[in-house]
């Protein structure tokens, strides 16, 4: 089984950091900061759309300027964040069972590798996929190219992430989706979908999916 694992909000618990940085920039531009509940409700991809929902008007500044300002502050501060509980042990268990666990992120590849290196977890993954810029547009094409290159069967792929965009990736690939509920979007957005609240639940959910898949063959 190939498991695509999102990074921000899924592997890395950077929710509070992102809210704080967003509010810093909102105040700097003369806008009203948002609550955590509001953030969880409006966060989306592409990031520019969530910036608009947060209150940025782009009258005297551009999205690109805000993106550079955010990353300049976010990258070093992210090293002080925690990894989500149970993620490292779960990834190690999954790879020990023969699964391929791949980081799939809308973060710039260079920044992603730097973060993973900071937490000494680069080597626990089979591959690391990030985009070529800092604007966090989409990772659908990134995933599609990888699947095509390695001739992966969508029925043998599971996407694990904390946002509806991860679900869009899964839909595009035609693979199974599991939402992690402690990330950047409200759990209420995942009603009707398969979810986990802790990574100690992931191995069981993968086993359930594998058994169901086998029963259909």
N, C-alpha and C. Protein backbone atom coordinates (compact mmCIF):
# COMPACT_ATOMS: atom_id res chain seq x y z
N UNK A 1 0.84 -1.19 0.00
CA UNK A 1 0.00 0.00 0.00
C UNK A 1 0.88 1.26 0.00
N UNK A 2 0.54 2.25 -0.82
CA UNK A 2 1.22 3.54 -0.81
C UNK A 2 0.37 4.52 -0.02
N UNK A 3 0.99 5.16 0.95
CA UNK A 3 0.27 6.10 1.80
C UNK A 3 0.85 7.49 1.62
N UNK A 4 0.07 8.38 1.03
CA UNK A 4 0.46 9.79 0.92
C UNK A 4 0.06 10.49 2.21
N UNK A 5 1.02 11.12 2.84
CA UNK A 5 0.80 11.75 4.14
C UNK A 5 1.08 13.25 4.03
N UNK A 6 0.05 14.04 4.27
CA UNK A 6 0.21 15.50 4.28
C UNK A 6 1.17 15.91 5.40
N UNK A 7 1.76 17.10 5.29
CA UNK A 7 2.73 17.54 6.30
C UNK A 7 2.13 18.56 7.28
N UNK A 8 1.83 19.77 6.81
CA UNK A 8 1.34 20.83 7.70
C UNK A 8 -0.01 20.48 8.28
N UNK A 9 -0.08 20.41 9.58
CA UNK A 9 -1.34 20.10 10.24
C UNK A 9 -1.60 18.62 10.39
N UNK A 10 -0.84 17.79 9.67
CA UNK A 10 -1.01 16.35 9.76
C UNK A 10 0.20 15.73 10.46
N UNK A 11 1.37 15.92 9.90
CA UNK A 11 2.59 15.49 10.58
C UNK A 11 2.99 16.54 11.62
N UNK A 12 3.02 17.79 11.19
CA UNK A 12 3.46 18.89 12.05
C UNK A 12 2.26 19.61 12.65
N UNK A 13 2.29 19.80 13.96
CA UNK A 13 1.22 20.52 14.66
C UNK A 13 1.55 22.01 14.65
N UNK A 14 1.25 22.65 13.53
CA UNK A 14 1.60 24.06 13.37
C UNK A 14 0.36 24.96 13.33
N UNK A 15 -0.76 24.47 13.80
CA UNK A 15 -2.01 25.24 13.74
C UNK A 15 -1.91 26.56 14.48
N UNK A 16 -1.50 26.53 15.74
CA UNK A 16 -1.44 27.76 16.53
C UNK A 16 -0.45 28.76 15.93
N UNK A 17 0.67 28.26 15.44
CA UNK A 17 1.66 29.13 14.81
C UNK A 17 1.06 29.84 13.61
N UNK A 18 0.36 29.10 12.76
CA UNK A 18 -0.22 29.69 11.55
C UNK A 18 -1.30 30.73 11.89
N UNK A 19 -2.09 30.45 12.91
CA UNK A 19 -3.11 31.42 13.32
C UNK A 19 -2.45 32.69 13.84
N UNK A 20 -1.42 32.53 14.65
CA UNK A 20 -0.73 33.70 15.21
C UNK A 20 -0.09 34.56 14.13
N UNK A 21 0.54 33.92 13.15
CA UNK A 21 1.19 34.66 12.07
C UNK A 21 0.16 35.33 11.18
N UNK A 22 -0.93 34.64 10.91
CA UNK A 22 -2.01 35.25 10.12
C UNK A 22 -2.51 36.51 10.81
N UNK A 23 -2.75 36.43 12.10
CA UNK A 23 -3.28 37.58 12.83
C UNK A 23 -2.28 38.72 12.92
N UNK A 24 -1.01 38.39 13.03
CA UNK A 24 0.03 39.43 13.00
C UNK A 24 -0.06 40.23 11.70
N UNK A 25 -0.17 39.52 10.60
CA UNK A 25 -0.21 40.19 9.29
C UNK A 25 -1.52 40.93 9.09
N UNK A 26 -2.63 40.39 9.59
CA UNK A 26 -3.91 41.10 9.48
C UNK A 26 -3.84 42.43 10.22
N UNK A 27 -3.32 42.42 11.43
CA UNK A 27 -3.22 43.65 12.22
C UNK A 27 -2.27 44.64 11.55
N UNK A 28 -1.17 44.14 11.01
CA UNK A 28 -0.22 45.02 10.33
C UNK A 28 -0.85 45.74 9.15
N UNK A 29 -1.82 45.09 8.51
CA UNK A 29 -2.48 45.71 7.35
C UNK A 29 -3.77 46.44 7.76
N UNK A 30 -4.00 46.55 9.07
CA UNK A 30 -5.16 47.30 9.53
C UNK A 30 -6.46 46.52 9.55
N UNK A 31 -6.36 45.18 9.54
CA UNK A 31 -7.55 44.33 9.53
C UNK A 31 -7.78 43.69 10.90
N UNK A 32 -8.93 43.14 11.10
CA UNK A 32 -9.29 42.51 12.37
C UNK A 32 -8.79 41.07 12.42
N UNK A 33 -8.13 40.68 13.52
CA UNK A 33 -7.67 39.29 13.63
C UNK A 33 -8.83 38.32 13.71
N UNK A 34 -8.57 37.05 13.43
CA UNK A 34 -9.61 36.03 13.44
C UNK A 34 -9.45 35.12 14.66
N UNK A 35 -10.53 34.50 15.07
CA UNK A 35 -10.48 33.53 16.16
C UNK A 35 -10.02 32.18 15.60
N UNK A 36 -9.68 31.29 16.50
CA UNK A 36 -9.29 29.94 16.08
C UNK A 36 -10.45 29.25 15.37
N UNK A 37 -11.67 29.43 15.90
CA UNK A 37 -12.84 28.82 15.29
C UNK A 37 -13.06 29.34 13.87
N UNK A 38 -12.86 30.64 13.69
CA UNK A 38 -13.02 31.24 12.37
C UNK A 38 -11.95 30.71 11.41
N UNK A 39 -10.73 30.59 11.89
CA UNK A 39 -9.64 30.07 11.07
C UNK A 39 -9.97 28.66 10.58
N UNK A 40 -10.39 27.80 11.50
CA UNK A 40 -10.70 26.42 11.14
C UNK A 40 -11.84 26.33 10.14
N UNK A 41 -12.70 27.33 10.14
CA UNK A 41 -13.83 27.35 9.22
C UNK A 41 -13.46 27.85 7.83
N UNK A 42 -12.52 28.81 7.76
CA UNK A 42 -12.22 29.44 6.47
C UNK A 42 -10.99 28.90 5.77
N UNK A 43 -10.14 28.17 6.49
CA UNK A 43 -8.90 27.70 5.87
C UNK A 43 -9.21 26.83 4.65
N UNK A 44 -8.51 27.10 3.55
CA UNK A 44 -8.74 26.35 2.33
C UNK A 44 -7.56 26.51 1.38
N UNK A 45 -7.60 25.80 0.27
CA UNK A 45 -6.63 25.95 -0.81
C UNK A 45 -7.39 26.35 -2.07
N UNK A 46 -6.77 27.18 -2.92
CA UNK A 46 -5.46 27.81 -2.72
C UNK A 46 -5.49 28.81 -1.56
N UNK A 47 -4.33 29.03 -0.97
CA UNK A 47 -4.21 29.87 0.23
C UNK A 47 -4.76 31.27 0.01
N UNK A 48 -4.62 31.79 -1.19
CA UNK A 48 -5.11 33.15 -1.45
C UNK A 48 -6.60 33.28 -1.13
N UNK A 49 -7.37 32.22 -1.33
CA UNK A 49 -8.80 32.27 -1.06
C UNK A 49 -9.08 32.37 0.43
N UNK A 50 -8.30 31.66 1.23
CA UNK A 50 -8.48 31.76 2.68
C UNK A 50 -8.00 33.11 3.20
N UNK A 51 -6.97 33.68 2.56
CA UNK A 51 -6.53 35.02 2.93
C UNK A 51 -7.65 36.03 2.68
N UNK A 52 -8.34 35.88 1.58
CA UNK A 52 -9.47 36.78 1.28
C UNK A 52 -10.56 36.63 2.33
N UNK A 53 -10.86 35.39 2.70
CA UNK A 53 -11.89 35.14 3.70
C UNK A 53 -11.49 35.68 5.06
N UNK A 54 -10.18 35.70 5.32
CA UNK A 54 -9.69 36.21 6.60
C UNK A 54 -9.80 37.73 6.70
N UNK A 55 -9.87 38.41 5.55
CA UNK A 55 -10.05 39.86 5.57
C UNK A 55 -9.05 40.66 4.77
N UNK A 56 -8.06 40.01 4.17
CA UNK A 56 -7.10 40.75 3.34
C UNK A 56 -7.81 41.26 2.08
N UNK A 57 -7.55 42.51 1.74
CA UNK A 57 -8.23 43.13 0.60
C UNK A 57 -7.34 43.25 -0.64
N UNK A 58 -6.01 43.16 -0.45
CA UNK A 58 -5.04 43.26 -1.54
C UNK A 58 -5.14 44.59 -2.29
N UNK A 59 -5.49 45.64 -1.55
CA UNK A 59 -5.57 46.97 -2.16
C UNK A 59 -4.20 47.64 -2.23
N UNK A 60 -3.43 47.54 -1.14
CA UNK A 60 -2.12 48.19 -1.10
C UNK A 60 -0.97 47.19 -0.97
N UNK A 61 -1.27 45.93 -1.21
CA UNK A 61 -0.26 44.88 -1.11
C UNK A 61 -0.75 43.70 -1.95
N UNK A 62 0.16 42.81 -2.26
CA UNK A 62 -0.19 41.66 -3.09
C UNK A 62 -0.16 40.37 -2.28
N UNK A 63 -0.78 39.36 -2.82
CA UNK A 63 -0.73 38.05 -2.16
C UNK A 63 0.71 37.56 -2.10
N UNK A 64 1.47 37.79 -3.16
CA UNK A 64 2.87 37.34 -3.20
C UNK A 64 3.67 37.98 -2.07
N UNK A 65 3.42 39.26 -1.79
CA UNK A 65 4.12 39.93 -0.70
C UNK A 65 3.78 39.30 0.64
N UNK A 66 2.50 38.99 0.83
CA UNK A 66 2.07 38.37 2.08
C UNK A 66 2.65 36.96 2.22
N UNK A 67 2.69 36.24 1.10
CA UNK A 67 3.23 34.87 1.14
C UNK A 67 4.70 34.87 1.54
N UNK A 68 5.47 35.79 1.00
CA UNK A 68 6.89 35.89 1.35
C UNK A 68 7.05 36.30 2.81
N UNK A 69 6.22 37.22 3.26
CA UNK A 69 6.29 37.68 4.65
C UNK A 69 5.96 36.53 5.60
N UNK A 70 4.94 35.75 5.23
CA UNK A 70 4.54 34.63 6.08
C UNK A 70 5.65 33.58 6.18
N UNK A 71 6.18 33.16 5.03
CA UNK A 71 7.20 32.11 5.02
C UNK A 71 8.46 32.54 5.75
N UNK A 72 8.83 33.81 5.62
CA UNK A 72 10.03 34.31 6.29
C UNK A 72 9.90 34.16 7.80
N UNK A 73 8.68 34.34 8.32
CA UNK A 73 8.45 34.20 9.75
C UNK A 73 8.15 32.74 10.13
N UNK A 74 7.42 32.07 9.27
CA UNK A 74 6.96 30.73 9.59
C UNK A 74 8.10 29.71 9.64
N UNK A 75 8.96 29.72 8.65
CA UNK A 75 9.95 28.64 8.53
C UNK A 75 10.79 28.47 9.80
N UNK A 76 11.46 29.52 10.30
CA UNK A 76 12.27 29.31 11.52
C UNK A 76 11.40 29.01 12.75
N UNK A 77 10.22 29.63 12.82
CA UNK A 77 9.35 29.40 13.98
C UNK A 77 8.80 27.98 14.00
N UNK A 78 8.65 27.38 12.82
CA UNK A 78 8.07 26.03 12.74
C UNK A 78 8.96 24.98 13.40
N UNK A 79 10.25 25.28 13.52
CA UNK A 79 11.16 24.32 14.14
C UNK A 79 10.85 24.11 15.62
N UNK A 80 10.10 25.06 16.20
CA UNK A 80 9.75 24.96 17.62
C UNK A 80 8.39 24.29 17.83
N UNK A 81 7.71 23.95 16.73
CA UNK A 81 6.43 23.26 16.84
C UNK A 81 6.66 21.80 17.22
N UNK A 82 5.60 21.12 17.58
CA UNK A 82 5.67 19.70 17.88
C UNK A 82 5.14 18.88 16.71
N UNK A 83 5.59 17.65 16.63
CA UNK A 83 4.97 16.71 15.72
C UNK A 83 3.71 16.19 16.39
N UNK A 84 2.71 15.82 15.61
CA UNK A 84 1.50 15.28 16.20
C UNK A 84 1.81 13.95 16.90
N UNK A 85 1.17 13.76 18.02
CA UNK A 85 1.41 12.58 18.85
C UNK A 85 1.15 11.29 18.08
N UNK A 86 2.12 10.41 18.13
CA UNK A 86 1.98 9.09 17.53
C UNK A 86 2.38 9.00 16.07
N UNK A 87 2.68 10.12 15.43
CA UNK A 87 2.95 10.09 13.99
C UNK A 87 4.24 9.33 13.66
N UNK A 88 5.30 9.55 14.40
CA UNK A 88 6.58 8.91 14.09
C UNK A 88 6.48 7.40 14.27
N UNK A 89 5.90 6.97 15.39
CA UNK A 89 5.75 5.54 15.65
C UNK A 89 4.89 4.87 14.58
N UNK A 90 3.82 5.56 14.19
CA UNK A 90 2.92 5.00 13.18
C UNK A 90 3.60 4.84 11.84
N UNK A 91 4.35 5.85 11.42
CA UNK A 91 5.06 5.76 10.13
C UNK A 91 6.07 4.62 10.17
N UNK A 92 6.80 4.50 11.25
CA UNK A 92 7.78 3.43 11.36
C UNK A 92 7.10 2.06 11.32
N UNK A 93 5.97 1.93 11.99
CA UNK A 93 5.24 0.66 11.97
C UNK A 93 4.74 0.32 10.58
N UNK A 94 4.25 1.34 9.88
CA UNK A 94 3.71 1.11 8.54
C UNK A 94 4.80 0.70 7.56
N UNK A 95 5.95 1.36 7.60
CA UNK A 95 7.04 1.01 6.69
C UNK A 95 7.62 -0.36 7.04
N UNK A 96 7.62 -0.70 8.33
CA UNK A 96 8.11 -2.02 8.75
C UNK A 96 7.21 -3.13 8.21
N UNK A 97 5.93 -2.80 7.98
CA UNK A 97 4.99 -3.78 7.43
C UNK A 97 5.03 -3.82 5.90
N UNK A 98 5.90 -3.00 5.31
CA UNK A 98 6.06 -3.02 3.87
C UNK A 98 5.30 -1.95 3.12
N UNK A 99 4.60 -1.07 3.83
CA UNK A 99 3.91 0.02 3.18
C UNK A 99 4.91 1.10 2.76
N UNK A 100 4.59 1.82 1.68
CA UNK A 100 5.38 2.96 1.25
C UNK A 100 4.72 4.22 1.79
N UNK A 101 5.40 4.96 2.64
CA UNK A 101 4.83 6.18 3.23
C UNK A 101 5.55 7.39 2.64
N UNK A 102 4.76 8.24 1.98
CA UNK A 102 5.33 9.36 1.22
C UNK A 102 4.74 10.68 1.70
N UNK A 103 5.59 11.63 2.01
CA UNK A 103 5.13 12.96 2.39
C UNK A 103 4.70 13.69 1.12
N UNK A 104 3.47 14.22 1.13
CA UNK A 104 2.94 14.97 -0.01
C UNK A 104 2.46 16.31 0.51
N UNK A 105 3.15 17.38 0.12
CA UNK A 105 2.87 18.68 0.71
C UNK A 105 2.80 19.80 -0.33
N UNK A 106 1.98 20.82 -0.02
CA UNK A 106 1.91 22.02 -0.85
C UNK A 106 2.99 23.02 -0.44
N UNK A 107 3.90 22.60 0.43
CA UNK A 107 5.03 23.44 0.82
C UNK A 107 6.14 23.34 -0.22
N UNK A 108 6.98 24.36 -0.26
CA UNK A 108 8.14 24.31 -1.14
C UNK A 108 9.03 23.16 -0.71
N UNK A 109 9.50 22.37 -1.67
CA UNK A 109 10.26 21.16 -1.37
C UNK A 109 11.47 21.45 -0.48
N UNK A 110 12.19 22.50 -0.80
CA UNK A 110 13.39 22.86 -0.03
C UNK A 110 13.04 23.12 1.43
N UNK A 111 11.96 23.87 1.66
CA UNK A 111 11.55 24.18 3.03
C UNK A 111 11.07 22.93 3.75
N UNK A 112 10.37 22.07 3.02
CA UNK A 112 9.84 20.84 3.59
C UNK A 112 10.97 19.94 4.08
N UNK A 113 11.98 19.75 3.25
CA UNK A 113 13.12 18.91 3.63
C UNK A 113 13.84 19.51 4.83
N UNK A 114 13.95 20.83 4.87
CA UNK A 114 14.60 21.49 6.00
C UNK A 114 13.84 21.21 7.30
N UNK A 115 12.51 21.27 7.23
CA UNK A 115 11.70 21.01 8.42
C UNK A 115 11.82 19.55 8.86
N UNK A 116 11.70 18.63 7.92
CA UNK A 116 11.81 17.22 8.25
C UNK A 116 13.18 16.90 8.84
N UNK A 117 14.20 17.55 8.32
CA UNK A 117 15.56 17.35 8.83
C UNK A 117 15.69 17.88 10.25
N UNK A 118 15.05 19.01 10.51
CA UNK A 118 15.10 19.61 11.84
C UNK A 118 14.53 18.64 12.89
N UNK A 119 13.53 17.88 12.49
CA UNK A 119 12.91 16.94 13.42
C UNK A 119 13.51 15.52 13.31
N UNK A 120 14.56 15.40 12.50
CA UNK A 120 15.27 14.13 12.32
C UNK A 120 14.36 13.00 11.86
N UNK A 121 13.47 13.31 10.92
CA UNK A 121 12.55 12.28 10.44
C UNK A 121 12.58 12.12 8.91
N UNK A 122 13.56 12.69 8.26
CA UNK A 122 13.65 12.55 6.80
C UNK A 122 13.70 11.08 6.40
N UNK A 123 14.49 10.31 7.13
CA UNK A 123 14.76 8.94 6.71
C UNK A 123 13.66 7.94 7.04
N UNK A 124 12.63 8.34 7.76
CA UNK A 124 11.57 7.39 8.07
C UNK A 124 10.54 7.30 6.94
N UNK A 125 10.65 8.21 5.96
CA UNK A 125 9.72 8.22 4.83
C UNK A 125 10.39 7.64 3.59
N UNK A 126 9.57 7.07 2.71
CA UNK A 126 10.10 6.49 1.48
C UNK A 126 10.35 7.54 0.41
N UNK A 127 9.64 8.66 0.49
CA UNK A 127 9.86 9.74 -0.47
C UNK A 127 9.26 11.02 0.10
N UNK A 128 9.71 12.16 -0.42
CA UNK A 128 9.24 13.47 0.04
C UNK A 128 8.89 14.30 -1.18
N UNK A 129 7.63 14.71 -1.28
CA UNK A 129 7.16 15.48 -2.43
C UNK A 129 6.68 16.85 -1.98
N UNK A 130 7.30 17.88 -2.55
CA UNK A 130 6.89 19.26 -2.29
C UNK A 130 6.87 20.03 -3.58
N UNK A 131 6.23 21.20 -3.59
CA UNK A 131 6.14 21.99 -4.81
C UNK A 131 7.36 22.88 -4.98
N UNK A 132 7.42 23.60 -6.09
CA UNK A 132 8.62 24.35 -6.45
C UNK A 132 8.59 25.82 -6.03
N UNK A 133 7.47 26.26 -5.43
CA UNK A 133 7.41 27.65 -4.98
C UNK A 133 6.75 27.72 -3.61
N UNK A 134 6.51 28.93 -3.09
CA UNK A 134 5.97 29.08 -1.74
C UNK A 134 4.50 29.45 -1.73
N UNK A 135 3.82 29.38 -2.88
CA UNK A 135 2.47 29.94 -2.94
C UNK A 135 1.36 28.93 -2.65
N UNK A 136 1.71 27.69 -2.36
CA UNK A 136 0.77 26.67 -1.89
C UNK A 136 -0.51 26.62 -2.71
N UNK A 137 -0.35 26.50 -4.02
CA UNK A 137 -1.51 26.46 -4.91
C UNK A 137 -2.26 25.14 -4.81
N UNK A 138 -1.57 24.06 -5.14
CA UNK A 138 -2.22 22.75 -5.15
C UNK A 138 -1.16 21.67 -5.24
N UNK A 139 -1.49 20.50 -4.72
CA UNK A 139 -0.57 19.36 -4.82
C UNK A 139 -1.16 18.24 -5.66
N UNK A 140 -2.26 18.51 -6.34
CA UNK A 140 -2.89 17.50 -7.17
C UNK A 140 -1.97 17.05 -8.31
N UNK A 141 -1.40 18.01 -9.03
CA UNK A 141 -0.51 17.67 -10.14
C UNK A 141 0.73 16.93 -9.64
N UNK A 142 1.22 17.33 -8.47
CA UNK A 142 2.38 16.69 -7.87
C UNK A 142 2.09 15.21 -7.62
N UNK A 143 0.93 14.94 -7.04
CA UNK A 143 0.55 13.56 -6.75
C UNK A 143 0.31 12.77 -8.04
N UNK A 144 -0.38 13.39 -8.99
CA UNK A 144 -0.69 12.72 -10.25
C UNK A 144 0.59 12.31 -10.99
N UNK A 145 1.55 13.21 -11.05
CA UNK A 145 2.81 12.91 -11.75
C UNK A 145 3.54 11.75 -11.08
N UNK A 146 3.51 11.73 -9.75
CA UNK A 146 4.19 10.66 -9.03
C UNK A 146 3.52 9.32 -9.29
N UNK A 147 2.21 9.31 -9.24
CA UNK A 147 1.45 8.08 -9.48
C UNK A 147 1.70 7.56 -10.89
N UNK A 148 1.67 8.45 -11.86
CA UNK A 148 1.91 8.05 -13.25
C UNK A 148 3.33 7.54 -13.46
N UNK A 149 4.29 8.26 -12.86
CA UNK A 149 5.70 7.88 -13.02
C UNK A 149 5.96 6.49 -12.47
N UNK A 150 5.37 6.18 -11.33
CA UNK A 150 5.63 4.90 -10.66
C UNK A 150 4.56 3.84 -10.96
N UNK A 151 3.62 4.23 -11.86
CA UNK A 151 2.57 3.30 -12.30
C UNK A 151 1.84 2.66 -11.11
N UNK A 152 1.41 3.50 -10.19
CA UNK A 152 0.73 3.03 -8.99
C UNK A 152 -0.75 2.78 -9.27
N UNK A 153 -1.29 1.75 -8.66
CA UNK A 153 -2.71 1.44 -8.75
C UNK A 153 -3.47 2.25 -7.71
N UNK A 154 -4.43 3.09 -8.13
CA UNK A 154 -5.17 3.92 -7.17
C UNK A 154 -5.81 3.11 -6.04
N UNK A 155 -6.18 1.86 -6.31
CA UNK A 155 -6.79 1.03 -5.27
C UNK A 155 -5.80 0.67 -4.18
N UNK A 156 -4.51 0.87 -4.46
CA UNK A 156 -3.46 0.58 -3.47
C UNK A 156 -2.85 1.85 -2.90
N UNK A 157 -3.62 2.94 -2.96
CA UNK A 157 -3.16 4.23 -2.44
C UNK A 157 -4.14 4.75 -1.39
N UNK A 158 -3.61 5.29 -0.31
CA UNK A 158 -4.42 5.96 0.71
C UNK A 158 -3.85 7.35 0.93
N UNK A 159 -4.72 8.35 0.92
CA UNK A 159 -4.33 9.72 1.21
C UNK A 159 -4.75 10.05 2.63
N UNK A 160 -3.81 10.58 3.42
CA UNK A 160 -4.11 10.98 4.80
C UNK A 160 -3.77 12.45 4.96
N UNK A 161 -4.76 13.26 5.32
CA UNK A 161 -4.52 14.69 5.47
C UNK A 161 -5.59 15.36 6.30
N UNK A 162 -5.40 16.65 6.53
CA UNK A 162 -6.26 17.39 7.47
C UNK A 162 -7.16 18.43 6.79
N UNK A 163 -7.19 18.46 5.46
CA UNK A 163 -8.01 19.46 4.77
C UNK A 163 -8.79 18.83 3.62
N UNK A 164 -9.83 19.52 3.20
CA UNK A 164 -10.63 19.05 2.07
C UNK A 164 -9.81 19.01 0.79
N UNK A 165 -8.74 19.80 0.72
CA UNK A 165 -7.88 19.73 -0.45
C UNK A 165 -7.21 18.36 -0.56
N UNK A 166 -6.90 17.76 0.57
CA UNK A 166 -6.36 16.40 0.55
C UNK A 166 -7.39 15.45 -0.05
N UNK A 167 -8.65 15.71 0.28
CA UNK A 167 -9.73 14.92 -0.31
C UNK A 167 -9.84 15.13 -1.80
N UNK A 168 -9.56 16.35 -2.26
CA UNK A 168 -9.57 16.62 -3.69
C UNK A 168 -8.45 15.84 -4.39
N UNK A 169 -7.31 15.73 -3.72
CA UNK A 169 -6.21 14.93 -4.26
C UNK A 169 -6.65 13.47 -4.39
N UNK A 170 -7.27 12.96 -3.33
CA UNK A 170 -7.73 11.57 -3.34
C UNK A 170 -8.75 11.33 -4.44
N UNK A 171 -9.67 12.27 -4.61
CA UNK A 171 -10.68 12.15 -5.66
C UNK A 171 -10.03 12.13 -7.03
N UNK A 172 -9.07 13.01 -7.25
CA UNK A 172 -8.37 13.08 -8.53
C UNK A 172 -7.62 11.78 -8.82
N UNK A 173 -7.03 11.20 -7.79
CA UNK A 173 -6.28 9.96 -7.98
C UNK A 173 -7.19 8.74 -8.02
N UNK A 174 -8.39 8.88 -7.47
CA UNK A 174 -9.30 7.74 -7.38
C UNK A 174 -8.92 6.80 -6.25
N UNK A 175 -8.34 7.36 -5.18
CA UNK A 175 -7.86 6.53 -4.08
C UNK A 175 -8.67 6.76 -2.80
N UNK A 176 -8.37 5.99 -1.78
CA UNK A 176 -9.07 6.07 -0.50
C UNK A 176 -8.56 7.27 0.30
N UNK A 177 -9.47 7.92 1.04
CA UNK A 177 -9.13 9.11 1.82
C UNK A 177 -9.44 8.91 3.29
N UNK A 178 -8.49 9.30 4.14
CA UNK A 178 -8.71 9.32 5.59
C UNK A 178 -8.34 10.71 6.09
N UNK A 179 -9.30 11.38 6.73
CA UNK A 179 -9.06 12.73 7.25
C UNK A 179 -8.57 12.67 8.70
N UNK A 180 -7.55 13.48 8.97
CA UNK A 180 -7.05 13.66 10.34
C UNK A 180 -7.68 14.93 10.90
N UNK A 181 -8.32 14.83 12.08
CA UNK A 181 -9.19 15.91 12.55
C UNK A 181 -8.53 16.96 13.44
N UNK A 182 -7.22 16.85 13.69
CA UNK A 182 -6.56 17.79 14.61
C UNK A 182 -5.67 18.79 13.87
N UNK A 183 -6.03 19.07 12.61
CA UNK A 183 -5.21 19.97 11.81
C UNK A 183 -5.85 21.31 11.55
N UNK A 184 -5.84 21.74 10.27
CA UNK A 184 -6.18 23.12 9.92
C UNK A 184 -7.64 23.35 9.52
N UNK A 185 -8.46 22.32 9.55
CA UNK A 185 -9.87 22.53 9.26
C UNK A 185 -10.73 21.87 10.32
N UNK A 186 -11.91 22.44 10.52
CA UNK A 186 -12.84 21.96 11.53
C UNK A 186 -13.29 20.53 11.22
N UNK A 187 -13.41 19.71 12.26
CA UNK A 187 -13.86 18.34 12.10
C UNK A 187 -15.24 18.27 11.44
N UNK A 188 -16.03 19.31 11.64
CA UNK A 188 -17.38 19.33 11.08
C UNK A 188 -17.38 19.28 9.56
N UNK A 189 -16.27 19.67 8.94
CA UNK A 189 -16.17 19.64 7.48
C UNK A 189 -16.04 18.21 6.94
N UNK A 190 -15.73 17.27 7.83
CA UNK A 190 -15.47 15.90 7.39
C UNK A 190 -16.61 14.93 7.71
N UNK A 191 -17.77 15.48 8.04
CA UNK A 191 -18.92 14.62 8.35
C UNK A 191 -19.25 13.75 7.14
N UNK A 192 -19.40 12.48 7.40
CA UNK A 192 -19.72 11.54 6.31
C UNK A 192 -18.50 10.88 5.70
N UNK A 193 -17.31 11.33 6.12
CA UNK A 193 -16.07 10.76 5.59
C UNK A 193 -15.34 9.98 6.68
N UNK A 194 -14.41 9.14 6.26
CA UNK A 194 -13.58 8.40 7.21
C UNK A 194 -12.59 9.35 7.88
N UNK A 195 -12.55 9.34 9.23
CA UNK A 195 -11.67 10.24 9.97
C UNK A 195 -10.93 9.48 11.07
N UNK A 196 -9.81 10.07 11.49
CA UNK A 196 -9.11 9.62 12.69
C UNK A 196 -8.83 10.84 13.55
N UNK A 197 -8.89 10.66 14.87
CA UNK A 197 -8.59 11.74 15.81
C UNK A 197 -7.18 11.62 16.37
N UNK A 198 -6.57 10.47 16.19
CA UNK A 198 -5.22 10.21 16.71
C UNK A 198 -4.55 9.21 15.78
N UNK A 199 -3.25 9.31 15.67
CA UNK A 199 -2.54 8.44 14.73
C UNK A 199 -2.46 6.98 15.19
N UNK A 200 -2.81 6.71 16.45
CA UNK A 200 -2.84 5.31 16.85
C UNK A 200 -4.04 4.58 16.23
N UNK A 201 -4.91 5.33 15.54
CA UNK A 201 -6.05 4.73 14.85
C UNK A 201 -5.75 4.40 13.39
N UNK A 202 -4.65 4.93 12.85
CA UNK A 202 -4.42 4.84 11.41
C UNK A 202 -4.14 3.42 10.94
N UNK A 203 -3.31 2.68 11.65
CA UNK A 203 -2.97 1.32 11.21
C UNK A 203 -4.23 0.46 11.11
N UNK A 204 -5.11 0.59 12.10
CA UNK A 204 -6.35 -0.20 12.08
C UNK A 204 -7.21 0.16 10.87
N UNK A 205 -7.31 1.47 10.58
CA UNK A 205 -8.13 1.91 9.45
C UNK A 205 -7.55 1.41 8.13
N UNK A 206 -6.23 1.36 8.03
CA UNK A 206 -5.60 0.84 6.82
C UNK A 206 -5.88 -0.66 6.67
N UNK A 207 -5.82 -1.37 7.78
CA UNK A 207 -6.12 -2.80 7.76
C UNK A 207 -7.57 -3.05 7.33
N UNK A 208 -8.48 -2.24 7.84
CA UNK A 208 -9.89 -2.37 7.47
C UNK A 208 -10.07 -2.14 5.98
N UNK A 209 -9.40 -1.11 5.46
CA UNK A 209 -9.50 -0.82 4.02
C UNK A 209 -8.94 -1.97 3.20
N UNK A 210 -7.80 -2.52 3.62
CA UNK A 210 -7.18 -3.62 2.88
C UNK A 210 -8.10 -4.85 2.85
N UNK A 211 -8.72 -5.16 3.97
CA UNK A 211 -9.61 -6.32 4.04
C UNK A 211 -10.84 -6.11 3.16
N UNK A 212 -11.38 -4.88 3.18
CA UNK A 212 -12.54 -4.58 2.35
C UNK A 212 -12.17 -4.68 0.87
N UNK A 213 -11.00 -4.20 0.53
CA UNK A 213 -10.52 -4.26 -0.85
C UNK A 213 -10.36 -5.70 -1.31
N UNK A 214 -9.81 -6.54 -0.44
CA UNK A 214 -9.61 -7.95 -0.77
C UNK A 214 -10.95 -8.66 -0.96
N UNK A 215 -11.93 -8.31 -0.15
CA UNK A 215 -13.23 -8.96 -0.25
C UNK A 215 -13.97 -8.64 -1.54
N UNK A 216 -13.57 -7.53 -2.16
CA UNK A 216 -14.21 -7.11 -3.41
C UNK A 216 -13.54 -7.70 -4.64
N UNK A 217 -12.36 -8.28 -4.43
CA UNK A 217 -11.61 -8.85 -5.56
C UNK A 217 -12.08 -10.27 -5.88
